[in-house]
Amino acid sequence: MHSALVLPKHVPIAFSTRGGHVENVFYGSIAVVDRDGHLIAHVGDVEYPLFTRSALKPLQALPLVAHLRFPDFGLTPRETALLCSSHNGEPIHAETAERLLAKVGLTEAALQCGSHTPYWYQWNNQRPEADRRWGPLFHNCSGKHSGMLLQAKLLAAPSDSYLDPANPVQQAIREAVAYACDLGDPAGIACGTDGCSAPNYAVPLGSLARAFAWLTRPDDDARYGAAPRTLFDAMAAHPDMVSGAGRNDLALAAAGGGRWVNKVGADGVQTLACRSRGIGIAAKVSDGNLKALMVAFCSVLKQLDLLDDAARSALADWARVPIKSIRGVEVGAIEPHVLLK
């Protein structure tokens, strides 16, 4: 029992119905911040530090891409996009991660992310081949980890401890997170361990949205130069490398048509950076329900007038999710309950 534990003050952002009656309520919070760092719309608690999970990946790639010797690696925009990915483990993803590692003379044996069945199967309703096993290259975070190993090379840091919070790679990332989120002292950011064993940070949703708004800058940053723009351009050009077939992140990116980039995180985190409007959005659903998160997120995009007819059509299956019986009969739906302030 944590007697002094303070919980985030989330509010209802979506609900599910059955037979015309509310069955479940999904709580969360959402922040919308402009390029100048101003909170322009929100619901719920945008000040409570929440773990960013994989939504952090563009910021984790930031110090690598900003390094003066990064161009020596000769990464293509497609390869750069993989640095920010939670990919499906499709062949193109694994092959690209392998090429990244080869640039510093490493193989997948250097990856410390572990291994799992590629996401492609669950997102495309396919059953994995019997008895097949996949190595770390197919892990959804292999692009991020490969990038960390590239950075270890540039910093002359130990590659066998690249996930250690004290390693120069992770210190540079922590500093980048603090800078982009405008959080001051990097040591003050709460640190945990992500599912891929990499350090991850808890930041307020307002700060995370600010960082994504910062990624939309058209000019060079005083500290990180053209890196924010480079990452945005790579993600916008190759959203298939950031996620993969059947994924919500790919559907969101396709609806944006290059106007924005977006990044999902485990346990119900979703972010988006819209260059045409100069805003960042960060959302969290408290129980991690991805369908409820997307329903609420689509409502936010609609309220911000970011969806044209084509985008609304592209996101229709995510904006309202039918609940069906085993026979395929619609018995309810997940619907939004968001009114931005």
C-alpha atoms as a PDB file:
ATOM      1  CA  MET A   1       0.000   0.000   0.000  1.00  0.00           C
ATOM      2  CA  HIS A   2       1.474   3.337  -1.103  1.00  0.00           C
ATOM      3  CA  SER A   3      -0.057   5.752   1.406  1.00  0.00           C
ATOM      4  CA  ALA A   4       1.571   8.843  -0.141  1.00  0.00           C
ATOM      5  CA  LEU A   5       1.050   7.816  -3.765  1.00  0.00           C
ATOM      6  CA  VAL A   6      -0.278  10.605  -6.009  1.00  0.00           C
ATOM      7  CA  LEU A   7      -2.243   9.458  -9.048  1.00  0.00           C
ATOM      8  CA  PRO A   8      -2.784  11.335 -12.317  1.00  0.00           C
ATOM      9  CA  LYS A   9      -6.106  13.149 -12.565  1.00  0.00           C
ATOM     10  CA  HIS A  10      -7.298  11.557 -15.791  1.00  0.00           C
ATOM     11  CA  VAL A  11     -10.806  12.175 -17.146  1.00  0.00           C
ATOM     12  CA  PRO A  12     -13.110  10.123 -19.389  1.00  0.00           C
ATOM     13  CA  ILE A  13     -11.932  10.322 -23.019  1.00  0.00           C
ATOM     14  CA  ALA A  14     -13.854   7.382 -24.519  1.00  0.00           C
ATOM     15  CA  PHE A  15     -16.524   4.846 -23.642  1.00  0.00           C
ATOM     16  CA  SER A  16     -17.961   1.618 -24.960  1.00  0.00           C
ATOM     17  CA  THR A  17     -21.622   0.742 -25.310  1.00  0.00           C
ATOM     18  CA  ARG A  18     -23.617  -2.456 -25.425  1.00  0.00           C
ATOM     19  CA  GLY A  19     -27.301  -2.467 -26.197  1.00  0.00           C
ATOM     20  CA  GLY A  20     -27.313   1.316 -26.216  1.00  0.00           C
ATOM     21  CA  HIS A  21     -25.973   1.587 -22.663  1.00  0.00           C
ATOM     22  CA  VAL A  22     -22.495   2.568 -21.496  1.00  0.00           C
ATOM     23  CA  GLU A  23     -20.513  -0.499 -20.464  1.00  0.00           C
ATOM     24  CA  ASN A  24     -16.915   0.742 -20.015  1.00  0.00           C
ATOM     25  CA  VAL A  25     -15.347   4.164 -19.525  1.00  0.00           C
ATOM     26  CA  PHE A  26     -11.751   4.838 -20.616  1.00  0.00           C
ATOM     27  CA  TYR A  27      -9.848   7.538 -18.746  1.00  0.00           C
ATOM     28  CA  GLY A  28      -6.914   9.552 -20.009  1.00  0.00           C
ATOM     29  CA  SER A  29      -5.410  12.944 -20.736  1.00  0.00           C
ATOM     30  CA  ILE A  30      -4.442  14.885 -23.876  1.00  0.00           C
ATOM     31  CA  ALA A  31      -2.243  17.950 -24.456  1.00  0.00           C
ATOM     32  CA  VAL A  32      -1.912  20.170 -27.540  1.00  0.00           C
ATOM     33  CA  VAL A  33       1.058  22.558 -27.573  1.00  0.00           C
ATOM     34  CA  ASP A  34       2.204  25.043 -30.204  1.00  0.00           C
ATOM     35  CA  ARG A  35       5.711  25.577 -31.536  1.00  0.00           C
ATOM     36  CA  ASP A  36       6.314  28.371 -29.015  1.00  0.00           C
ATOM     37  CA  GLY A  37       5.628  26.003 -26.129  1.00  0.00           C
ATOM     38  CA  HIS A  38       2.144  27.281 -25.282  1.00  0.00           C
ATOM     39  CA  LEU A  39      -0.534  24.836 -24.159  1.00  0.00           C
ATOM     40  CA  ILE A  40      -3.392  25.664 -26.541  1.00  0.00           C
ATOM     41  CA  ALA A  41      -5.838  22.864 -25.736  1.00  0.00           C
ATOM     42  CA  HIS A  42      -6.095  19.969 -23.325  1.00  0.00           C
ATOM     43  CA  VAL A  43      -8.217  17.582 -21.303  1.00  0.00           C
ATOM     44  CA  GLY A  44      -7.312  15.825 -18.078  1.00  0.00           C
ATOM     45  CA  ASP A  45      -3.959  15.984 -16.320  1.00  0.00           C
ATOM     46  CA  VAL A  46      -1.141  17.266 -18.551  1.00  0.00           C
ATOM     47  CA  GLU A  47       1.324  17.951 -15.721  1.00  0.00           C
ATOM     48  CA  TYR A  48       1.681  14.496 -14.160  1.00  0.00           C
ATOM     49  CA  PRO A  49       4.855  12.721 -15.412  1.00  0.00           C
ATOM     50  CA  LEU A  50       3.904   9.683 -17.490  1.00  0.00           C
ATOM     51  CA  PHE A  51       6.229   7.182 -19.120  1.00  0.00           C
ATOM     52  CA  THR A  52       6.594   7.951 -22.792  1.00  0.00           C
ATOM     53  CA  ARG A  53       7.472   4.422 -23.904  1.00  0.00           C
ATOM     54  CA  SER A  54       8.118   4.178 -27.659  1.00  0.00           C
ATOM     55  CA  ALA A  55       6.712   7.652 -28.317  1.00  0.00           C
ATOM     56  CA  LEU A  56      10.154   8.785 -27.120  1.00  0.00           C
ATOM     57  CA  LYS A  57      12.015   7.254 -30.063  1.00  0.00           C
ATOM     58  CA  PRO A  58      12.433  10.385 -32.228  1.00  0.00           C
ATOM     59  CA  LEU A  59      14.021  12.093 -29.215  1.00  0.00           C
ATOM     60  CA  GLN A  60      16.225   9.075 -28.537  1.00  0.00           C
ATOM     61  CA  ALA A  61      17.532   9.353 -32.109  1.00  0.00           C
ATOM     62  CA  LEU A  62      18.105  13.097 -31.789  1.00  0.00           C
ATOM     63  CA  PRO A  63      21.687  13.199 -30.425  1.00  0.00           C
ATOM     64  CA  LEU A  64      22.818  10.646 -33.006  1.00  0.00           C
ATOM     65  CA  VAL A  65      21.387  12.556 -35.960  1.00  0.00           C
ATOM     66  CA  ALA A  66      22.704  15.862 -34.589  1.00  0.00           C
ATOM     67  CA  HIS A  67      26.273  14.569 -34.209  1.00  0.00           C
ATOM     68  CA  LEU A  68      28.762  16.253 -36.536  1.00  0.00           C
ATOM     69  CA  ARG A  69      29.964  12.881 -37.829  1.00  0.00           C
ATOM     70  CA  PHE A  70      26.517  11.372 -38.365  1.00  0.00           C
ATOM     71  CA  PRO A  71      26.689  12.089 -42.134  1.00  0.00           C
ATOM     72  CA  ASP A  72      29.708   9.758 -42.304  1.00  0.00           C
ATOM     73  CA  PHE A  73      27.337   6.808 -41.924  1.00  0.00           C
ATOM     74  CA  GLY A  74      25.505   7.808 -45.110  1.00  0.00           C
ATOM     75  CA  LEU A  75      22.052   6.851 -43.824  1.00  0.00           C
ATOM     76  CA  THR A  76      19.202   7.189 -46.283  1.00  0.00           C
ATOM     77  CA  PRO A  77      15.912   8.764 -45.144  1.00  0.00           C
ATOM     78  CA  ARG A  78      14.429   5.248 -45.046  1.00  0.00           C
ATOM     79  CA  GLU A  79      17.188   4.083 -42.703  1.00  0.00           C
ATOM     80  CA  THR A  80      16.830   7.223 -40.599  1.00  0.00           C
ATOM     81  CA  ALA A  81      13.094   6.569 -40.228  1.00  0.00           C
ATOM     82  CA  LEU A  82      13.858   3.128 -38.789  1.00  0.00           C
ATOM     83  CA  LEU A  83      15.745   4.791 -35.924  1.00  0.00           C
ATOM     84  CA  CYS A  84      12.359   6.127 -34.730  1.00  0.00           C
ATOM     85  CA  SER A  85      10.366   2.963 -35.319  1.00  0.00           C
ATOM     86  CA  SER A  86       8.297   0.433 -33.456  1.00  0.00           C
ATOM     87  CA  HIS A  87       8.253  -1.652 -36.592  1.00  0.00           C
ATOM     88  CA  ASN A  88       6.340  -4.753 -37.597  1.00  0.00           C
ATOM     89  CA  GLY A  89       9.353  -7.008 -38.017  1.00  0.00           C
ATOM     90  CA  GLU A  90       8.701  -7.291 -41.728  1.00  0.00           C
ATOM     91  CA  PRO A  91      11.705  -8.395 -43.842  1.00  0.00           C
ATOM     92  CA  ILE A  92      12.437  -4.802 -44.936  1.00  0.00           C
ATOM     93  CA  HIS A  93      12.635  -3.730 -41.295  1.00  0.00           C
ATOM     94  CA  ALA A  94      14.996  -6.505 -40.237  1.00  0.00           C
ATOM     95  CA  GLU A  95      17.172  -6.079 -43.331  1.00  0.00           C
ATOM     96  CA  THR A  96      17.460  -2.342 -42.736  1.00  0.00           C
ATOM     97  CA  ALA A  97      18.440  -2.828 -39.080  1.00  0.00           C
ATOM     98  CA  GLU A  98      21.079  -5.307 -40.218  1.00  0.00           C
ATOM     99  CA  ARG A  99      22.512  -2.712 -42.624  1.00  0.00           C
ATOM    100  CA  LEU A 100      22.666  -0.133 -39.834  1.00  0.00           C
ATOM    101  CA  LEU A 101      24.657  -2.483 -37.630  1.00  0.00           C
ATOM    102  CA  ALA A 102      27.000  -3.361 -40.489  1.00  0.00           C
ATOM    103  CA  LYS A 103      27.992   0.312 -40.739  1.00  0.00           C
ATOM    104  CA  VAL A 104      29.869  -0.111 -37.457  1.00  0.00           C
ATOM    105  CA  GLY A 105      30.968  -3.704 -38.016  1.00  0.00           C
ATOM    106  CA  LEU A 106      28.333  -5.287 -35.765  1.00  0.00           C
ATOM    107  CA  THR A 107      25.744  -8.028 -36.157  1.00  0.00           C
ATOM    108  CA  GLU A 108      22.445  -8.700 -34.408  1.00  0.00           C
ATOM    109  CA  ALA A 109      24.404 -10.346 -31.608  1.00  0.00           C
ATOM    110  CA  ALA A 110      25.174  -6.815 -30.372  1.00  0.00           C
ATOM    111  CA  LEU A 111      21.472  -5.979 -29.913  1.00  0.00           C
ATOM    112  CA  GLN A 112      20.259  -6.134 -26.315  1.00  0.00           C
ATOM    113  CA  CYS A 113      16.542  -5.645 -27.030  1.00  0.00           C
ATOM    114  CA  GLY A 114      15.661  -9.338 -26.885  1.00  0.00           C
ATOM    115  CA  SER A 115      13.374 -11.020 -29.402  1.00  0.00           C
ATOM    116  CA  HIS A 116       9.693 -11.678 -29.955  1.00  0.00           C
ATOM    117  CA  THR A 117       7.276 -12.774 -32.669  1.00  0.00           C
ATOM    118  CA  PRO A 118       7.046  -9.954 -35.222  1.00  0.00           C
ATOM    119  CA  TYR A 119       4.118  -7.596 -34.730  1.00  0.00           C
ATOM    120  CA  TRP A 120       3.090  -8.155 -38.341  1.00  0.00           C
ATOM    121  CA  TYR A 121       1.274 -11.344 -37.408  1.00  0.00           C
ATOM    122  CA  GLN A 122      -0.990  -9.903 -34.719  1.00  0.00           C
ATOM    123  CA  TRP A 123      -1.774  -6.754 -36.736  1.00  0.00           C
ATOM    124  CA  ASN A 124      -2.680  -8.705 -39.860  1.00  0.00           C
ATOM    125  CA  ASN A 125      -4.560 -11.576 -38.195  1.00  0.00           C
ATOM    126  CA  GLN A 126      -2.027 -14.166 -39.266  1.00  0.00           C
ATOM    127  CA  ARG A 127      -0.709 -17.158 -37.357  1.00  0.00           C
ATOM    128  CA  PRO A 128       3.085 -17.498 -37.076  1.00  0.00           C
ATOM    129  CA  GLU A 129       4.695 -20.472 -38.746  1.00  0.00           C
ATOM    130  CA  ALA A 130       4.996 -23.431 -36.405  1.00  0.00           C
ATOM    131  CA  ASP A 131       8.328 -23.714 -34.599  1.00  0.00           C
ATOM    132  CA  ARG A 132       9.772 -20.610 -36.259  1.00  0.00           C
ATOM    133  CA  ARG A 133      11.991 -18.376 -34.143  1.00  0.00           C
ATOM    134  CA  TRP A 134      13.057 -14.792 -34.789  1.00  0.00           C
ATOM    135  CA  GLY A 135      16.227 -13.027 -33.708  1.00  0.00           C
ATOM    136  CA  PRO A 136      16.608  -9.503 -32.310  1.00  0.00           C
ATOM    137  CA  LEU A 137      16.596  -7.923 -35.796  1.00  0.00           C
ATOM    138  CA  PHE A 138      12.847  -8.603 -35.913  1.00  0.00           C
ATOM    139  CA  HIS A 139      12.212  -6.987 -32.525  1.00  0.00           C
ATOM    140  CA  ASN A 140      10.093  -3.865 -32.967  1.00  0.00           C
ATOM    141  CA  CYS A 141      12.836  -1.758 -31.335  1.00  0.00           C
ATOM    142  CA  SER A 142      15.798  -3.071 -33.361  1.00  0.00           C
ATOM    143  CA  GLY A 143      16.035   0.203 -35.310  1.00  0.00           C
ATOM    144  CA  LYS A 144      16.277   2.260 -32.117  1.00  0.00           C
ATOM    145  CA  HIS A 145      18.871  -0.086 -30.632  1.00  0.00           C
ATOM    146  CA  SER A 146      20.901  -0.101 -33.847  1.00  0.00           C
ATOM    147  CA  GLY A 147      20.910   3.698 -33.690  1.00  0.00           C
ATOM    148  CA  MET A 148      22.177   3.589 -30.113  1.00  0.00           C
ATOM    149  CA  LEU A 149      25.039   1.367 -31.258  1.00  0.00           C
ATOM    150  CA  LEU A 150      25.864   3.816 -34.045  1.00  0.00           C
ATOM    151  CA  GLN A 151      25.965   6.561 -31.465  1.00  0.00           C
ATOM    152  CA  ALA A 152      28.209   4.468 -29.226  1.00  0.00           C
ATOM    153  CA  LYS A 153      30.673   4.334 -32.101  1.00  0.00           C
ATOM    154  CA  LEU A 154      30.590   8.116 -32.571  1.00  0.00           C
ATOM    155  CA  LEU A 155      31.065   8.728 -28.846  1.00  0.00           C
ATOM    156  CA  ALA A 156      33.717   6.006 -28.434  1.00  0.00           C
ATOM    157  CA  ALA A 157      31.417   4.569 -25.750  1.00  0.00           C
ATOM    158  CA  PRO A 158      31.310   0.886 -24.772  1.00  0.00           C
ATOM    159  CA  SER A 159      28.895  -0.951 -27.056  1.00  0.00           C
ATOM    160  CA  ASP A 160      28.418  -3.844 -24.642  1.00  0.00           C
ATOM    161  CA  SER A 161      26.857  -1.505 -22.045  1.00  0.00           C
ATOM    162  CA  TYR A 162      25.018   0.867 -24.380  1.00  0.00           C
ATOM    163  CA  LEU A 163      21.793   0.480 -22.353  1.00  0.00           C
ATOM    164  CA  ASP A 164      23.398   1.414 -19.043  1.00  0.00           C
ATOM    165  CA  PRO A 165      21.962   4.794 -17.907  1.00  0.00           C
ATOM    166  CA  ALA A 166      25.530   5.874 -17.143  1.00  0.00           C
ATOM    167  CA  ASN A 167      26.748   5.106 -20.669  1.00  0.00           C
ATOM    168  CA  PRO A 168      27.481   8.271 -22.695  1.00  0.00           C
ATOM    169  CA  VAL A 169      24.852   7.153 -25.219  1.00  0.00           C
ATOM    170  CA  GLN A 170      22.093   7.203 -22.626  1.00  0.00           C
ATOM    171  CA  GLN A 171      23.415  10.373 -21.008  1.00  0.00           C
ATOM    172  CA  ALA A 172      23.194  12.149 -24.368  1.00  0.00           C
ATOM    173  CA  ILE A 173      19.652  10.883 -24.850  1.00  0.00           C
ATOM    174  CA  ARG A 174      18.578  12.021 -21.387  1.00  0.00           C
ATOM    175  CA  GLU A 175      19.966  15.486 -22.110  1.00  0.00           C
ATOM    176  CA  ALA A 176      18.100  15.585 -25.447  1.00  0.00           C
ATOM    177  CA  VAL A 177      14.816  14.619 -23.762  1.00  0.00           C
ATOM    178  CA  ALA A 178      15.243  17.325 -21.120  1.00  0.00           C
ATOM    179  CA  TYR A 179      16.065  19.918 -23.788  1.00  0.00           C
ATOM    180  CA  ALA A 180      13.252  19.088 -26.230  1.00  0.00           C
ATOM    181  CA  CYS A 181      10.708  18.836 -23.413  1.00  0.00           C
ATOM    182  CA  ASP A 182      12.050  22.000 -21.717  1.00  0.00           C
ATOM    183  CA  LEU A 183      12.436  20.220 -18.382  1.00  0.00           C
ATOM    184  CA  GLY A 184      15.656  21.790 -17.137  1.00  0.00           C
ATOM    185  CA  ASP A 185      18.068  19.495 -15.288  1.00  0.00           C
ATOM    186  CA  PRO A 186      18.182  16.071 -17.020  1.00  0.00           C
ATOM    187  CA  ALA A 187      18.908  14.392 -13.677  1.00  0.00           C
ATOM    188  CA  GLY A 188      15.469  15.463 -12.470  1.00  0.00           C
ATOM    189  CA  ILE A 189      13.587  13.358 -15.023  1.00  0.00           C
ATOM    190  CA  ALA A 190      12.097  10.145 -13.670  1.00  0.00           C
ATOM    191  CA  CYS A 191      13.754   7.139 -15.302  1.00  0.00           C
ATOM    192  CA  GLY A 192      12.472   3.587 -15.727  1.00  0.00           C
ATOM    193  CA  THR A 193      13.204   0.643 -17.999  1.00  0.00           C
ATOM    194  CA  ASP A 194      11.232   0.055 -21.179  1.00  0.00           C
ATOM    195  CA  GLY A 195      10.095  -3.342 -22.447  1.00  0.00           C
ATOM    196  CA  CYS A 196      13.140  -3.486 -24.725  1.00  0.00           C
ATOM    197  CA  SER A 197      15.434  -2.959 -21.694  1.00  0.00           C
ATOM    198  CA  ALA A 198      16.382   0.613 -22.704  1.00  0.00           C
ATOM    199  CA  PRO A 199      16.050   3.523 -20.253  1.00  0.00           C
ATOM    200  CA  ASN A 200      12.751   5.371 -20.637  1.00  0.00           C
ATOM    201  CA  TYR A 201      11.568   8.626 -19.119  1.00  0.00           C
ATOM    202  CA  ALA A 202       8.400   9.900 -17.493  1.00  0.00           C
ATOM    203  CA  VAL A 203       7.498  13.446 -18.545  1.00  0.00           C
ATOM    204  CA  PRO A 204       4.298  15.505 -18.358  1.00  0.00           C
ATOM    205  CA  LEU A 205       2.064  15.187 -21.415  1.00  0.00           C
ATOM    206  CA  GLY A 206       2.328  18.931 -21.929  1.00  0.00           C
ATOM    207  CA  SER A 207       6.111  18.614 -22.111  1.00  0.00           C
ATOM    208  CA  LEU A 208       5.940  15.656 -24.497  1.00  0.00           C
ATOM    209  CA  ALA A 209       3.561  17.581 -26.760  1.00  0.00           C
ATOM    210  CA  ARG A 210       5.973  20.511 -26.638  1.00  0.00           C
ATOM    211  CA  ALA A 211       8.808  18.268 -27.834  1.00  0.00           C
ATOM    212  CA  PHE A 212       6.754  17.072 -30.788  1.00  0.00           C
ATOM    213  CA  ALA A 213       5.789  20.636 -31.658  1.00  0.00           C
ATOM    214  CA  TRP A 214       9.518  21.430 -31.535  1.00  0.00           C
ATOM    215  CA  LEU A 215      10.120  18.735 -34.163  1.00  0.00           C
ATOM    216  CA  THR A 216       8.069  20.808 -36.624  1.00  0.00           C
ATOM    217  CA  ARG A 217      10.537  23.737 -36.572  1.00  0.00           C
ATOM    218  CA  PRO A 218      11.401  24.883 -40.117  1.00  0.00           C
ATOM    219  CA  ASP A 219      14.714  26.409 -39.019  1.00  0.00           C
ATOM    220  CA  ASP A 220      17.817  24.935 -37.394  1.00  0.00           C
ATOM    221  CA  ASP A 221      17.856  24.562 -33.617  1.00  0.00           C
ATOM    222  CA  ALA A 222      20.601  26.320 -31.662  1.00  0.00           C
ATOM    223  CA  ARG A 223      21.755  23.051 -30.083  1.00  0.00           C
ATOM    224  CA  TYR A 224      20.604  20.227 -32.356  1.00  0.00           C
ATOM    225  CA  GLY A 225      20.836  21.989 -35.706  1.00  0.00           C
ATOM    226  CA  ALA A 226      18.892  20.385 -38.542  1.00  0.00           C
ATOM    227  CA  ALA A 227      18.333  17.092 -36.670  1.00  0.00           C
ATOM    228  CA  PRO A 228      14.667  17.766 -35.737  1.00  0.00           C
ATOM    229  CA  ARG A 229      13.861  18.549 -39.367  1.00  0.00           C
ATOM    230  CA  THR A 230      15.850  15.544 -40.622  1.00  0.00           C
ATOM    231  CA  LEU A 231      13.923  13.179 -38.349  1.00  0.00           C
ATOM    232  CA  PHE A 232      10.565  14.704 -39.231  1.00  0.00           C
ATOM    233  CA  ASP A 233      11.285  14.471 -42.969  1.00  0.00           C
ATOM    234  CA  ALA A 234      12.404  10.839 -42.727  1.00  0.00           C
ATOM    235  CA  MET A 235       9.344   9.778 -40.710  1.00  0.00           C
ATOM    236  CA  ALA A 236       6.992  11.683 -43.022  1.00  0.00           C
ATOM    237  CA  ALA A 237       8.514  10.143 -46.151  1.00  0.00           C
ATOM    238  CA  HIS A 238       8.648   6.581 -44.809  1.00  0.00           C
ATOM    239  CA  PRO A 239       5.873   5.923 -42.281  1.00  0.00           C
ATOM    240  CA  ASP A 240       5.921   2.266 -43.339  1.00  0.00           C
ATOM    241  CA  MET A 241       9.359   2.032 -41.731  1.00  0.00           C
ATOM    242  CA  VAL A 242       8.131   3.668 -38.525  1.00  0.00           C
ATOM    243  CA  SER A 243       5.369   1.099 -38.019  1.00  0.00           C
ATOM    244  CA  GLY A 244       4.117  -1.321 -40.673  1.00  0.00           C
ATOM    245  CA  ALA A 245       1.140  -2.864 -42.446  1.00  0.00           C
ATOM    246  CA  GLY A 246      -2.130  -2.846 -40.503  1.00  0.00           C
ATOM    247  CA  ARG A 247      -0.905  -0.545 -37.738  1.00  0.00           C
ATOM    248  CA  ASN A 248      -2.681   2.478 -36.276  1.00  0.00           C
ATOM    249  CA  ASP A 249       0.451   4.617 -36.647  1.00  0.00           C
ATOM    250  CA  LEU A 250       0.611   3.914 -40.382  1.00  0.00           C
ATOM    251  CA  ALA A 251      -3.101   4.742 -40.756  1.00  0.00           C
ATOM    252  CA  LEU A 252      -2.577   8.046 -38.918  1.00  0.00           C
ATOM    253  CA  ALA A 253       0.444   8.946 -41.035  1.00  0.00           C
ATOM    254  CA  ALA A 254      -1.342   8.088 -44.272  1.00  0.00           C
ATOM    255  CA  ALA A 255      -4.265  10.299 -43.285  1.00  0.00           C
ATOM    256  CA  GLY A 256      -1.845  13.182 -42.758  1.00  0.00           C
ATOM    257  CA  GLY A 257      -0.393  12.899 -46.236  1.00  0.00           C
ATOM    258  CA  GLY A 258       2.987  14.201 -45.065  1.00  0.00           C
ATOM    259  CA  ARG A 259       1.578  17.094 -42.998  1.00  0.00           C
ATOM    260  CA  TRP A 260       2.408  15.340 -39.772  1.00  0.00           C
ATOM    261  CA  VAL A 261       4.381  12.517 -38.213  1.00  0.00           C
ATOM    262  CA  ASN A 262       3.173  10.418 -35.322  1.00  0.00           C
ATOM    263  CA  LYS A 263       4.479   7.852 -32.862  1.00  0.00           C
ATOM    264  CA  VAL A 264       2.642   5.404 -30.676  1.00  0.00           C
ATOM    265  CA  GLY A 265       3.959   4.110 -27.372  1.00  0.00           C
ATOM    266  CA  ALA A 266       3.102   1.000 -25.387  1.00  0.00           C
ATOM    267  CA  ASP A 267       0.422   1.132 -22.704  1.00  0.00           C
ATOM    268  CA  GLY A 268      -1.652   3.771 -24.426  1.00  0.00           C
ATOM    269  CA  VAL A 269       0.604   6.667 -25.482  1.00  0.00           C
ATOM    270  CA  GLN A 270       0.130   8.497 -28.796  1.00  0.00           C
ATOM    271  CA  THR A 271       1.952  11.534 -30.140  1.00  0.00           C
ATOM    272  CA  LEU A 272       1.744  13.620 -33.301  1.00  0.00           C
ATOM    273  CA  ALA A 273       3.724  16.558 -34.734  1.00  0.00           C
ATOM    274  CA  CYS A 274       1.900  18.638 -37.354  1.00  0.00           C
ATOM    275  CA  ARG A 275       4.262  20.832 -39.333  1.00  0.00           C
ATOM    276  CA  SER A 276       1.565  22.731 -41.260  1.00  0.00           C
ATOM    277  CA  ARG A 277       0.047  23.937 -37.970  1.00  0.00           C
ATOM    278  CA  GLY A 278       3.201  23.967 -35.861  1.00  0.00           C
ATOM    279  CA  ILE A 279       1.662  21.927 -33.051  1.00  0.00           C
ATOM    280  CA  GLY A 280       2.404  18.786 -31.076  1.00  0.00           C
ATOM    281  CA  ILE A 281      -0.155  16.454 -29.523  1.00  0.00           C
ATOM    282  CA  ALA A 282       0.425  13.917 -26.755  1.00  0.00           C
ATOM    283  CA  ALA A 283      -2.237  11.582 -25.406  1.00  0.00           C
ATOM    284  CA  LYS A 284      -2.458   8.818 -22.827  1.00  0.00           C
ATOM    285  CA  VAL A 285      -5.260   6.355 -22.082  1.00  0.00           C
ATOM    286  CA  SER A 286      -4.828   5.123 -18.543  1.00  0.00           C
ATOM    287  CA  ASP A 287      -5.550   1.425 -19.075  1.00  0.00           C
ATOM    288  CA  GLY A 288      -3.516   1.156 -22.287  1.00  0.00           C
ATOM    289  CA  ASN A 289      -6.524   0.352 -24.500  1.00  0.00           C
ATOM    290  CA  LEU A 290      -5.284   1.203 -27.998  1.00  0.00           C
ATOM    291  CA  LYS A 291      -8.719   1.209 -29.615  1.00  0.00           C
ATOM    292  CA  ALA A 292     -10.080   3.681 -27.060  1.00  0.00           C
ATOM    293  CA  LEU A 293      -6.931   5.797 -27.435  1.00  0.00           C
ATOM    294  CA  MET A 294      -7.324   6.012 -31.197  1.00  0.00           C
ATOM    295  CA  VAL A 295     -11.033   6.823 -30.962  1.00  0.00           C
ATOM    296  CA  ALA A 296     -10.224   9.726 -28.658  1.00  0.00           C
ATOM    297  CA  PHE A 297      -7.227  10.815 -30.732  1.00  0.00           C
ATOM    298  CA  CYS A 298      -9.268  10.950 -33.937  1.00  0.00           C
ATOM    299  CA  SER A 299     -11.794  13.116 -32.122  1.00  0.00           C
ATOM    300  CA  VAL A 300      -8.996  15.500 -31.122  1.00  0.00           C
ATOM    301  CA  LEU A 301      -7.791  15.756 -34.728  1.00  0.00           C
ATOM    302  CA  LYS A 302     -11.361  16.515 -35.810  1.00  0.00           C
ATOM    303  CA  GLN A 303     -11.811  19.204 -33.147  1.00  0.00           C
ATOM    304  CA  LEU A 304      -8.530  20.813 -34.223  1.00  0.00           C
ATOM    305  CA  ASP A 305      -9.830  20.875 -37.807  1.00  0.00           C
ATOM    306  CA  LEU A 306      -6.931  18.756 -39.042  1.00  0.00           C
ATOM    307  CA  LEU A 307      -9.021  16.226 -40.959  1.00  0.00           C
ATOM    308  CA  ASP A 308     -10.249  16.826 -44.494  1.00  0.00           C
ATOM    309  CA  ASP A 309     -12.754  14.481 -46.121  1.00  0.00           C
ATOM    310  CA  ALA A 310     -10.062  12.088 -47.320  1.00  0.00           C
ATOM    311  CA  ALA A 311      -8.446  11.919 -43.881  1.00  0.00           C
ATOM    312  CA  ARG A 312     -11.782  11.323 -42.151  1.00  0.00           C
ATOM    313  CA  SER A 313     -12.468   8.491 -44.563  1.00  0.00           C
ATOM    314  CA  ALA A 314      -9.016   6.991 -44.025  1.00  0.00           C
ATOM    315  CA  LEU A 315      -9.482   7.022 -40.237  1.00  0.00           C
ATOM    316  CA  ALA A 316     -13.127   5.958 -40.164  1.00  0.00           C
ATOM    317  CA  ASP A 317     -12.324   2.473 -38.841  1.00  0.00           C
ATOM    318  CA  TRP A 318     -10.319   3.997 -35.971  1.00  0.00           C
ATOM    319  CA  ALA A 319     -12.631   6.919 -35.117  1.00  0.00           C
ATOM    320  CA  ARG A 320     -15.494   4.656 -34.054  1.00  0.00           C
ATOM    321  CA  VAL A 321     -14.818   0.987 -33.354  1.00  0.00           C
ATOM    322  CA  PRO A 322     -17.789  -1.411 -33.586  1.00  0.00           C
ATOM    323  CA  ILE A 323     -18.073  -4.150 -30.970  1.00  0.00           C
ATOM    324  CA  LYS A 324     -19.304  -7.367 -32.558  1.00  0.00           C
ATOM    325  CA  SER A 325     -20.489 -10.733 -31.350  1.00  0.00           C
ATOM    326  CA  ILE A 326     -18.722 -13.915 -32.393  1.00  0.00           C
ATOM    327  CA  ARG A 327     -21.230 -14.155 -35.271  1.00  0.00           C
ATOM    328  CA  GLY A 328     -20.230 -10.719 -36.493  1.00  0.00           C
ATOM    329  CA  VAL A 329     -23.337  -8.882 -35.293  1.00  0.00           C
ATOM    330  CA  GLU A 330     -22.676  -5.325 -34.112  1.00  0.00           C
ATOM    331  CA  VAL A 331     -23.713  -5.078 -30.459  1.00  0.00           C
ATOM    332  CA  GLY A 332     -22.061  -1.811 -29.460  1.00  0.00           C
ATOM    333  CA  ALA A 333     -19.140   0.472 -30.162  1.00  0.00           C
ATOM    334  CA  ILE A 334     -16.220   2.374 -28.685  1.00  0.00           C
ATOM    335  CA  GLU A 335     -16.869   6.094 -29.088  1.00  0.00           C
ATOM    336  CA  PRO A 336     -15.068   9.314 -28.071  1.00  0.00           C
ATOM    337  CA  HIS A 337     -15.824  11.492 -25.056  1.00  0.00           C
ATOM    338  CA  VAL A 338     -13.382  14.351 -25.556  1.00  0.00           C
ATOM    339  CA  LEU A 339     -14.098  18.072 -25.389  1.00  0.00           C
ATOM    340  CA  LEU A 340     -10.894  20.061 -25.626  1.00  0.00           C
ATOM    341  CA  LYS A 341     -10.563  23.078 -23.348  1.00  0.00           C
END
